[in-house]
Amino acid sequence: MSEKPKAAEPENLAMIEKRRIEAEILKHVYDTLVASHGEAAAQATIAESVRRSAIEQARRFADAGAHVEPMESFVTRRMLDGLDAFWRLRSWTDISALPAARREKVLPYILRWAEGGADLSGEDAYHGMSQMMAMRDAAVRACQPYDLVLSPVAPCVQFPAEFAGPTNDPARPLEHIGFTVAFNMSEQPAISVNAGWTRDGMPIGLQVAGRRFDDLGVLRAARAWEAMRGPQRPWPRID
């Protein structure tokens, strides 16, 4: 028997080494190379208020001393369609196995979307999965020259509460994740923080993404933005 007890296995196998973070991790932005990724991602239409906000975010980082330059979108229509096909097929595999009574409880929007995977083949699933890998490679490659990437969180600001998603169209289910989904595939750290408000008082998100394993750099940049953006409005109250 081993003389030393074996360390407990981590619950999250994708976790990285734990690091201590000081209370004040950053007071200003250093000479950091930042890409402002504010253009249309995956053919999504960007709300004008979101576009203006992205430009303002880049300007403030530049004023604080960062070197900022624009970045072209690296998420393609083919990548999103492949991702959509793979997820439809996977979801239909699960949903179709449900008893009829349980299947009736599935949100109709999700059911219609998943049904699009009923006739997809194993080859379709393979090609869809390959586009997820292509998205990962494109994200890592595009971000490599930069320390950080700034972008909106979503191209839209709000949508009706009755909608299942921003488009409410099962044929166009992923238009709103063009700025964020690639970093899920590439396992790059990313954070969403409030960037400002529309004229109607709706919040607009800023996404800060970094290189793989540079979680601390992303947290520092987010903290720096919180210092730049000024006072925040009170949280809304629901009486």
C-alpha atoms as a PDB file:
ATOM      1  CA  MET A   1       0.000   0.000   0.000  1.00  0.00           C
ATOM      2  CA  SER A   2       1.064   3.572  -0.599  1.00  0.00           C
ATOM      3  CA  GLU A   3       2.312   5.392   2.477  1.00  0.00           C
ATOM      4  CA  LYS A   4       0.630   8.606   1.343  1.00  0.00           C
ATOM      5  CA  PRO A   5      -3.102   8.941   0.718  1.00  0.00           C
ATOM      6  CA  LYS A   6      -3.971   9.547  -2.884  1.00  0.00           C
ATOM      7  CA  ALA A   7      -5.178  13.067  -3.622  1.00  0.00           C
ATOM      8  CA  ALA A   8      -8.845  13.374  -4.419  1.00  0.00           C
ATOM      9  CA  GLU A   9      -9.663  13.406  -8.094  1.00  0.00           C
ATOM     10  CA  PRO A  10     -10.911  16.812  -9.317  1.00  0.00           C
ATOM     11  CA  GLU A  11     -14.641  16.955  -9.927  1.00  0.00           C
ATOM     12  CA  ASN A  12     -14.100  18.993 -13.082  1.00  0.00           C
ATOM     13  CA  LEU A  13     -11.583  17.237 -15.323  1.00  0.00           C
ATOM     14  CA  ALA A  14     -11.216  20.394 -17.437  1.00  0.00           C
ATOM     15  CA  MET A  15     -10.200  22.567 -14.494  1.00  0.00           C
ATOM     16  CA  ILE A  16      -6.848  24.344 -14.489  1.00  0.00           C
ATOM     17  CA  GLU A  17      -4.472  24.896 -11.606  1.00  0.00           C
ATOM     18  CA  LYS A  18      -5.908  26.973  -8.790  1.00  0.00           C
ATOM     19  CA  ARG A  19      -4.257  30.364  -8.390  1.00  0.00           C
ATOM     20  CA  ARG A  20      -4.581  32.974  -5.700  1.00  0.00           C
ATOM     21  CA  ILE A  21      -5.925  36.294  -6.947  1.00  0.00           C
ATOM     22  CA  GLU A  22      -5.161  39.470  -5.091  1.00  0.00           C
ATOM     23  CA  ALA A  23      -8.076  41.659  -4.019  1.00  0.00           C
ATOM     24  CA  GLU A  24      -6.996  44.485  -6.331  1.00  0.00           C
ATOM     25  CA  ILE A  25      -5.864  42.612  -9.413  1.00  0.00           C
ATOM     26  CA  LEU A  26      -5.552  45.620 -11.708  1.00  0.00           C
ATOM     27  CA  LYS A  27      -5.886  49.371 -11.422  1.00  0.00           C
ATOM     28  CA  HIS A  28      -5.223  50.274 -15.039  1.00  0.00           C
ATOM     29  CA  VAL A  29      -4.641  48.696 -18.430  1.00  0.00           C
ATOM     30  CA  TYR A  30      -1.009  48.202 -19.313  1.00  0.00           C
ATOM     31  CA  ASP A  31       0.408  48.299 -22.836  1.00  0.00           C
ATOM     32  CA  THR A  32      -1.783  45.415 -23.934  1.00  0.00           C
ATOM     33  CA  LEU A  33      -2.549  44.387 -27.487  1.00  0.00           C
ATOM     34  CA  VAL A  34      -6.333  44.232 -27.776  1.00  0.00           C
ATOM     35  CA  ALA A  35      -8.487  43.245 -30.734  1.00  0.00           C
ATOM     36  CA  SER A  36     -11.901  44.876 -30.962  1.00  0.00           C
ATOM     37  CA  HIS A  37     -14.191  42.267 -32.505  1.00  0.00           C
ATOM     38  CA  GLY A  38     -17.205  44.464 -33.106  1.00  0.00           C
ATOM     39  CA  GLU A  39     -18.166  43.511 -36.631  1.00  0.00           C
ATOM     40  CA  ALA A  40     -20.944  41.133 -37.640  1.00  0.00           C
ATOM     41  CA  ALA A  41     -20.358  37.555 -36.556  1.00  0.00           C
ATOM     42  CA  ALA A  42     -21.920  34.706 -38.515  1.00  0.00           C
ATOM     43  CA  GLN A  43     -24.131  37.012 -40.590  1.00  0.00           C
ATOM     44  CA  ALA A  44     -25.935  38.312 -37.512  1.00  0.00           C
ATOM     45  CA  THR A  45     -27.491  41.763 -37.738  1.00  0.00           C
ATOM     46  CA  ILE A  46     -26.033  43.931 -34.997  1.00  0.00           C
ATOM     47  CA  ALA A  47     -28.270  46.452 -33.261  1.00  0.00           C
ATOM     48  CA  GLU A  48     -26.987  49.989 -33.711  1.00  0.00           C
ATOM     49  CA  SER A  49     -26.824  50.537 -29.951  1.00  0.00           C
ATOM     50  CA  VAL A  50     -24.600  47.441 -29.634  1.00  0.00           C
ATOM     51  CA  ARG A  51     -22.336  48.637 -32.438  1.00  0.00           C
ATOM     52  CA  ARG A  52     -21.937  52.085 -30.845  1.00  0.00           C
ATOM     53  CA  SER A  53     -21.184  50.478 -27.508  1.00  0.00           C
ATOM     54  CA  ALA A  54     -18.452  48.272 -29.035  1.00  0.00           C
ATOM     55  CA  ILE A  55     -16.761  51.321 -30.544  1.00  0.00           C
ATOM     56  CA  GLU A  56     -16.908  53.155 -27.206  1.00  0.00           C
ATOM     57  CA  GLN A  57     -15.427  50.183 -25.354  1.00  0.00           C
ATOM     58  CA  ALA A  58     -12.484  50.032 -27.751  1.00  0.00           C
ATOM     59  CA  ARG A  59     -11.929  53.789 -27.395  1.00  0.00           C
ATOM     60  CA  ARG A  60     -11.828  53.612 -23.611  1.00  0.00           C
ATOM     61  CA  PHE A  61      -9.336  50.772 -23.594  1.00  0.00           C
ATOM     62  CA  ALA A  62      -7.172  52.736 -26.033  1.00  0.00           C
ATOM     63  CA  ASP A  63      -7.404  55.868 -23.879  1.00  0.00           C
ATOM     64  CA  ALA A  64      -6.239  53.776 -20.901  1.00  0.00           C
ATOM     65  CA  GLY A  65      -3.071  52.810 -22.744  1.00  0.00           C
ATOM     66  CA  ALA A  66      -3.939  49.640 -24.634  1.00  0.00           C
ATOM     67  CA  HIS A  67      -3.072  49.202 -28.297  1.00  0.00           C
ATOM     68  CA  VAL A  68      -6.400  48.415 -29.986  1.00  0.00           C
ATOM     69  CA  GLU A  69      -6.955  47.219 -33.525  1.00  0.00           C
ATOM     70  CA  PRO A  70     -10.008  45.755 -35.310  1.00  0.00           C
ATOM     71  CA  MET A  71     -10.447  42.026 -35.875  1.00  0.00           C
ATOM     72  CA  GLU A  72     -12.352  40.370 -38.693  1.00  0.00           C
ATOM     73  CA  SER A  73     -14.973  37.787 -37.768  1.00  0.00           C
ATOM     74  CA  PHE A  74     -13.632  34.223 -37.811  1.00  0.00           C
ATOM     75  CA  VAL A  75     -16.964  32.451 -37.258  1.00  0.00           C
ATOM     76  CA  THR A  76     -18.429  31.370 -40.587  1.00  0.00           C
ATOM     77  CA  ARG A  77     -21.907  30.354 -41.655  1.00  0.00           C
ATOM     78  CA  ARG A  78     -20.632  26.854 -42.376  1.00  0.00           C
ATOM     79  CA  MET A  79     -19.309  26.520 -38.833  1.00  0.00           C
ATOM     80  CA  LEU A  80     -22.607  27.557 -37.258  1.00  0.00           C
ATOM     81  CA  ASP A  81     -24.626  25.326 -39.577  1.00  0.00           C
ATOM     82  CA  GLY A  82     -22.412  22.360 -38.714  1.00  0.00           C
ATOM     83  CA  LEU A  83     -22.800  23.053 -35.025  1.00  0.00           C
ATOM     84  CA  ASP A  84     -26.557  23.368 -35.469  1.00  0.00           C
ATOM     85  CA  ALA A  85     -26.784  20.054 -37.323  1.00  0.00           C
ATOM     86  CA  PHE A  86     -24.759  18.179 -34.716  1.00  0.00           C
ATOM     87  CA  TRP A  87     -26.801  19.588 -31.830  1.00  0.00           C
ATOM     88  CA  ARG A  88     -30.109  18.867 -33.607  1.00  0.00           C
ATOM     89  CA  LEU A  89     -29.147  15.260 -34.211  1.00  0.00           C
ATOM     90  CA  ARG A  90     -27.933  14.777 -30.666  1.00  0.00           C
ATOM     91  CA  SER A  91     -31.076  16.387 -29.218  1.00  0.00           C
ATOM     92  CA  TRP A  92     -33.405  14.402 -31.471  1.00  0.00           C
ATOM     93  CA  THR A  93     -31.678  11.198 -30.374  1.00  0.00           C
ATOM     94  CA  ASP A  94     -32.558  12.041 -26.762  1.00  0.00           C
ATOM     95  CA  ILE A  95     -36.041  13.443 -27.381  1.00  0.00           C
ATOM     96  CA  SER A  96     -37.185  10.670 -29.713  1.00  0.00           C
ATOM     97  CA  ALA A  97     -36.365   8.123 -27.009  1.00  0.00           C
ATOM     98  CA  LEU A  98     -38.743   9.772 -24.537  1.00  0.00           C
ATOM     99  CA  PRO A  99     -42.169   8.290 -23.827  1.00  0.00           C
ATOM    100  CA  ALA A 100     -44.923  10.218 -25.597  1.00  0.00           C
ATOM    101  CA  ALA A 101     -46.168  11.760 -22.343  1.00  0.00           C
ATOM    102  CA  ARG A 102     -42.754  13.195 -21.548  1.00  0.00           C
ATOM    103  CA  ARG A 103     -42.111  14.314 -25.104  1.00  0.00           C
ATOM    104  CA  GLU A 104     -45.274  16.426 -24.960  1.00  0.00           C
ATOM    105  CA  LYS A 105     -43.662  18.444 -22.162  1.00  0.00           C
ATOM    106  CA  VAL A 106     -40.792  19.556 -24.384  1.00  0.00           C
ATOM    107  CA  LEU A 107     -41.012  23.209 -25.390  1.00  0.00           C
ATOM    108  CA  PRO A 108     -42.617  23.239 -28.880  1.00  0.00           C
ATOM    109  CA  TYR A 109     -39.821  25.449 -30.228  1.00  0.00           C
ATOM    110  CA  ILE A 110     -37.183  22.955 -29.062  1.00  0.00           C
ATOM    111  CA  LEU A 111     -39.177  20.031 -30.431  1.00  0.00           C
ATOM    112  CA  ARG A 112     -39.497  21.633 -33.883  1.00  0.00           C
ATOM    113  CA  TRP A 113     -35.805  22.477 -33.851  1.00  0.00           C
ATOM    114  CA  ALA A 114     -34.726  18.976 -32.792  1.00  0.00           C
ATOM    115  CA  GLU A 115     -36.983  17.351 -35.394  1.00  0.00           C
ATOM    116  CA  GLY A 116     -34.644  18.844 -37.972  1.00  0.00           C
ATOM    117  CA  GLY A 117     -32.137  16.198 -36.880  1.00  0.00           C
ATOM    118  CA  ALA A 118     -34.456  13.242 -37.499  1.00  0.00           C
ATOM    119  CA  ASP A 119     -33.255  12.657 -41.060  1.00  0.00           C
ATOM    120  CA  LEU A 120     -29.593  13.523 -40.540  1.00  0.00           C
ATOM    121  CA  SER A 121     -27.076  10.737 -40.998  1.00  0.00           C
ATOM    122  CA  GLY A 122     -23.987   9.663 -39.131  1.00  0.00           C
ATOM    123  CA  GLU A 123     -21.980  11.362 -41.876  1.00  0.00           C
ATOM    124  CA  ASP A 124     -23.884  14.605 -41.195  1.00  0.00           C
ATOM    125  CA  ALA A 125     -23.046  14.274 -37.505  1.00  0.00           C
ATOM    126  CA  TYR A 126     -19.374  13.750 -38.352  1.00  0.00           C
ATOM    127  CA  HIS A 127     -19.252  16.832 -40.570  1.00  0.00           C
ATOM    128  CA  GLY A 128     -21.076  18.871 -37.937  1.00  0.00           C
ATOM    129  CA  MET A 129     -18.585  17.808 -35.288  1.00  0.00           C
ATOM    130  CA  SER A 130     -15.727  18.666 -37.630  1.00  0.00           C
ATOM    131  CA  GLN A 131     -17.057  22.222 -37.905  1.00  0.00           C
ATOM    132  CA  MET A 132     -16.921  22.516 -34.114  1.00  0.00           C
ATOM    133  CA  MET A 133     -13.239  21.615 -34.347  1.00  0.00           C
ATOM    134  CA  ALA A 134     -12.783  24.070 -37.211  1.00  0.00           C
ATOM    135  CA  MET A 135     -14.350  26.777 -35.065  1.00  0.00           C
ATOM    136  CA  ARG A 136     -11.976  25.951 -32.220  1.00  0.00           C
ATOM    137  CA  ASP A 137      -8.917  26.122 -34.468  1.00  0.00           C
ATOM    138  CA  ALA A 138     -10.077  29.376 -36.080  1.00  0.00           C
ATOM    139  CA  ALA A 139     -10.661  31.026 -32.699  1.00  0.00           C
ATOM    140  CA  VAL A 140      -7.253  30.068 -31.293  1.00  0.00           C
ATOM    141  CA  ARG A 141      -5.512  31.104 -34.507  1.00  0.00           C
ATOM    142  CA  ALA A 142      -7.312  34.456 -34.795  1.00  0.00           C
ATOM    143  CA  CYS A 143      -6.709  35.380 -31.154  1.00  0.00           C
ATOM    144  CA  GLN A 144      -3.064  34.292 -31.010  1.00  0.00           C
ATOM    145  CA  PRO A 145      -1.592  37.701 -31.962  1.00  0.00           C
ATOM    146  CA  TYR A 146      -3.568  39.417 -29.192  1.00  0.00           C
ATOM    147  CA  ASP A 147      -3.619  39.445 -25.424  1.00  0.00           C
ATOM    148  CA  LEU A 148      -7.372  40.088 -25.305  1.00  0.00           C
ATOM    149  CA  VAL A 149     -10.362  40.225 -27.613  1.00  0.00           C
ATOM    150  CA  LEU A 150     -13.250  42.616 -26.968  1.00  0.00           C
ATOM    151  CA  SER A 151     -16.656  42.027 -28.488  1.00  0.00           C
ATOM    152  CA  PRO A 152     -20.358  42.393 -27.777  1.00  0.00           C
ATOM    153  CA  VAL A 153     -21.936  39.507 -25.919  1.00  0.00           C
ATOM    154  CA  ALA A 154     -24.836  39.350 -28.369  1.00  0.00           C
ATOM    155  CA  PRO A 155     -25.781  41.263 -31.519  1.00  0.00           C
ATOM    156  CA  CYS A 156     -29.188  42.115 -30.061  1.00  0.00           C
ATOM    157  CA  VAL A 157     -30.213  43.793 -26.823  1.00  0.00           C
ATOM    158  CA  GLN A 158     -33.550  42.235 -25.937  1.00  0.00           C
ATOM    159  CA  PHE A 159     -36.369  40.168 -27.384  1.00  0.00           C
ATOM    160  CA  PRO A 160     -39.999  39.546 -26.352  1.00  0.00           C
ATOM    161  CA  ALA A 161     -40.356  37.470 -23.205  1.00  0.00           C
ATOM    162  CA  GLU A 162     -42.756  35.152 -25.038  1.00  0.00           C
ATOM    163  CA  PHE A 163     -40.033  34.164 -27.512  1.00  0.00           C
ATOM    164  CA  ALA A 164     -37.989  30.997 -26.975  1.00  0.00           C
ATOM    165  CA  GLY A 165     -34.952  32.823 -28.370  1.00  0.00           C
ATOM    166  CA  PRO A 166     -34.035  36.093 -30.082  1.00  0.00           C
ATOM    167  CA  THR A 167     -35.246  34.973 -33.539  1.00  0.00           C
ATOM    168  CA  ASN A 168     -38.000  32.648 -32.259  1.00  0.00           C
ATOM    169  CA  ASP A 169     -37.352  30.712 -35.455  1.00  0.00           C
ATOM    170  CA  PRO A 170     -36.162  27.081 -35.195  1.00  0.00           C
ATOM    171  CA  ALA A 171     -34.639  27.449 -38.663  1.00  0.00           C
ATOM    172  CA  ARG A 172     -32.348  30.234 -37.394  1.00  0.00           C
ATOM    173  CA  PRO A 173     -31.556  29.193 -33.840  1.00  0.00           C
ATOM    174  CA  LEU A 174     -27.927  30.277 -33.390  1.00  0.00           C
ATOM    175  CA  GLU A 175     -27.764  33.782 -34.849  1.00  0.00           C
ATOM    176  CA  HIS A 176     -27.349  35.341 -31.413  1.00  0.00           C
ATOM    177  CA  ILE A 177     -24.302  33.311 -30.277  1.00  0.00           C
ATOM    178  CA  GLY A 178     -21.853  34.270 -33.028  1.00  0.00           C
ATOM    179  CA  PHE A 179     -19.680  36.311 -30.658  1.00  0.00           C
ATOM    180  CA  THR A 180     -19.572  33.793 -27.816  1.00  0.00           C
ATOM    181  CA  VAL A 181     -19.847  30.217 -29.076  1.00  0.00           C
ATOM    182  CA  ALA A 182     -16.344  30.000 -30.553  1.00  0.00           C
ATOM    183  CA  PHE A 183     -14.762  30.491 -27.130  1.00  0.00           C
ATOM    184  CA  ASN A 184     -16.818  27.609 -25.751  1.00  0.00           C
ATOM    185  CA  MET A 185     -15.370  25.433 -28.498  1.00  0.00           C
ATOM    186  CA  SER A 186     -11.787  26.687 -28.071  1.00  0.00           C
ATOM    187  CA  GLU A 187     -11.866  26.550 -24.245  1.00  0.00           C
ATOM    188  CA  GLN A 188     -10.589  30.122 -24.032  1.00  0.00           C
ATOM    189  CA  PRO A 189     -11.505  32.112 -20.930  1.00  0.00           C
ATOM    190  CA  ALA A 190     -14.143  34.769 -21.510  1.00  0.00           C
ATOM    191  CA  ILE A 191     -16.220  36.982 -19.265  1.00  0.00           C
ATOM    192  CA  SER A 192     -19.316  39.125 -19.720  1.00  0.00           C
ATOM    193  CA  VAL A 193     -19.595  42.472 -17.950  1.00  0.00           C
ATOM    194  CA  ASN A 194     -22.019  45.339 -18.301  1.00  0.00           C
ATOM    195  CA  ALA A 195     -20.863  47.900 -20.842  1.00  0.00           C
ATOM    196  CA  GLY A 196     -23.659  50.439 -20.748  1.00  0.00           C
ATOM    197  CA  TRP A 197     -27.299  50.939 -21.613  1.00  0.00           C
ATOM    198  CA  THR A 198     -29.528  51.656 -24.550  1.00  0.00           C
ATOM    199  CA  ARG A 199     -31.653  54.790 -24.618  1.00  0.00           C
ATOM    200  CA  ASP A 200     -34.464  52.623 -23.218  1.00  0.00           C
ATOM    201  CA  GLY A 201     -32.321  51.594 -20.253  1.00  0.00           C
ATOM    202  CA  MET A 202     -31.555  48.043 -21.400  1.00  0.00           C
ATOM    203  CA  PRO A 203     -28.075  46.746 -20.504  1.00  0.00           C
ATOM    204  CA  ILE A 204     -25.458  46.020 -23.186  1.00  0.00           C
ATOM    205  CA  GLY A 205     -22.810  43.390 -22.519  1.00  0.00           C
ATOM    206  CA  LEU A 206     -19.074  43.501 -23.158  1.00  0.00           C
ATOM    207  CA  GLN A 207     -17.291  40.182 -23.661  1.00  0.00           C
ATOM    208  CA  VAL A 208     -13.576  40.001 -22.883  1.00  0.00           C
ATOM    209  CA  ALA A 209     -11.826  36.846 -24.119  1.00  0.00           C
ATOM    210  CA  GLY A 210      -8.212  35.852 -23.642  1.00  0.00           C
ATOM    211  CA  ARG A 211      -5.730  33.235 -24.693  1.00  0.00           C
ATOM    212  CA  ARG A 212      -6.170  29.688 -23.433  1.00  0.00           C
ATOM    213  CA  PHE A 213      -5.380  29.350 -19.716  1.00  0.00           C
ATOM    214  CA  ASP A 214      -5.055  33.129 -19.232  1.00  0.00           C
ATOM    215  CA  ASP A 215      -8.072  33.310 -16.935  1.00  0.00           C
ATOM    216  CA  LEU A 216      -6.282  35.795 -14.710  1.00  0.00           C
ATOM    217  CA  GLY A 217      -5.604  38.133 -17.620  1.00  0.00           C
ATOM    218  CA  VAL A 218      -9.296  38.152 -18.504  1.00  0.00           C
ATOM    219  CA  LEU A 219     -10.277  38.873 -14.895  1.00  0.00           C
ATOM    220  CA  ARG A 220      -7.770  41.726 -14.798  1.00  0.00           C
ATOM    221  CA  ALA A 221      -9.170  43.246 -17.969  1.00  0.00           C
ATOM    222  CA  ALA A 222     -12.729  42.943 -16.658  1.00  0.00           C
ATOM    223  CA  ARG A 223     -11.706  44.649 -13.433  1.00  0.00           C
ATOM    224  CA  ALA A 224     -10.038  47.386 -15.442  1.00  0.00           C
ATOM    225  CA  TRP A 225     -13.216  47.897 -17.459  1.00  0.00           C
ATOM    226  CA  GLU A 226     -15.274  48.169 -14.293  1.00  0.00           C
ATOM    227  CA  ALA A 227     -13.013  51.030 -13.233  1.00  0.00           C
ATOM    228  CA  MET A 228     -13.301  52.724 -16.644  1.00  0.00           C
ATOM    229  CA  ARG A 229     -17.027  52.487 -17.208  1.00  0.00           C
ATOM    230  CA  GLY A 230     -18.129  54.740 -14.361  1.00  0.00           C
ATOM    231  CA  PRO A 231     -21.013  54.461 -11.888  1.00  0.00           C
ATOM    232  CA  GLN A 232     -23.597  51.752 -12.442  1.00  0.00           C
ATOM    233  CA  ARG A 233     -27.347  52.040 -12.175  1.00  0.00           C
ATOM    234  CA  PRO A 234     -29.207  50.276  -9.370  1.00  0.00           C
ATOM    235  CA  TRP A 235     -30.468  46.772 -10.015  1.00  0.00           C
ATOM    236  CA  PRO A 236     -34.097  46.839 -11.207  1.00  0.00           C
ATOM    237  CA  ARG A 237     -36.700  46.112  -8.544  1.00  0.00           C
ATOM    238  CA  ILE A 238     -39.687  43.873  -9.108  1.00  0.00           C
ATOM    239  CA  ASP A 239     -42.415  44.705  -6.625  1.00  0.00           C
END
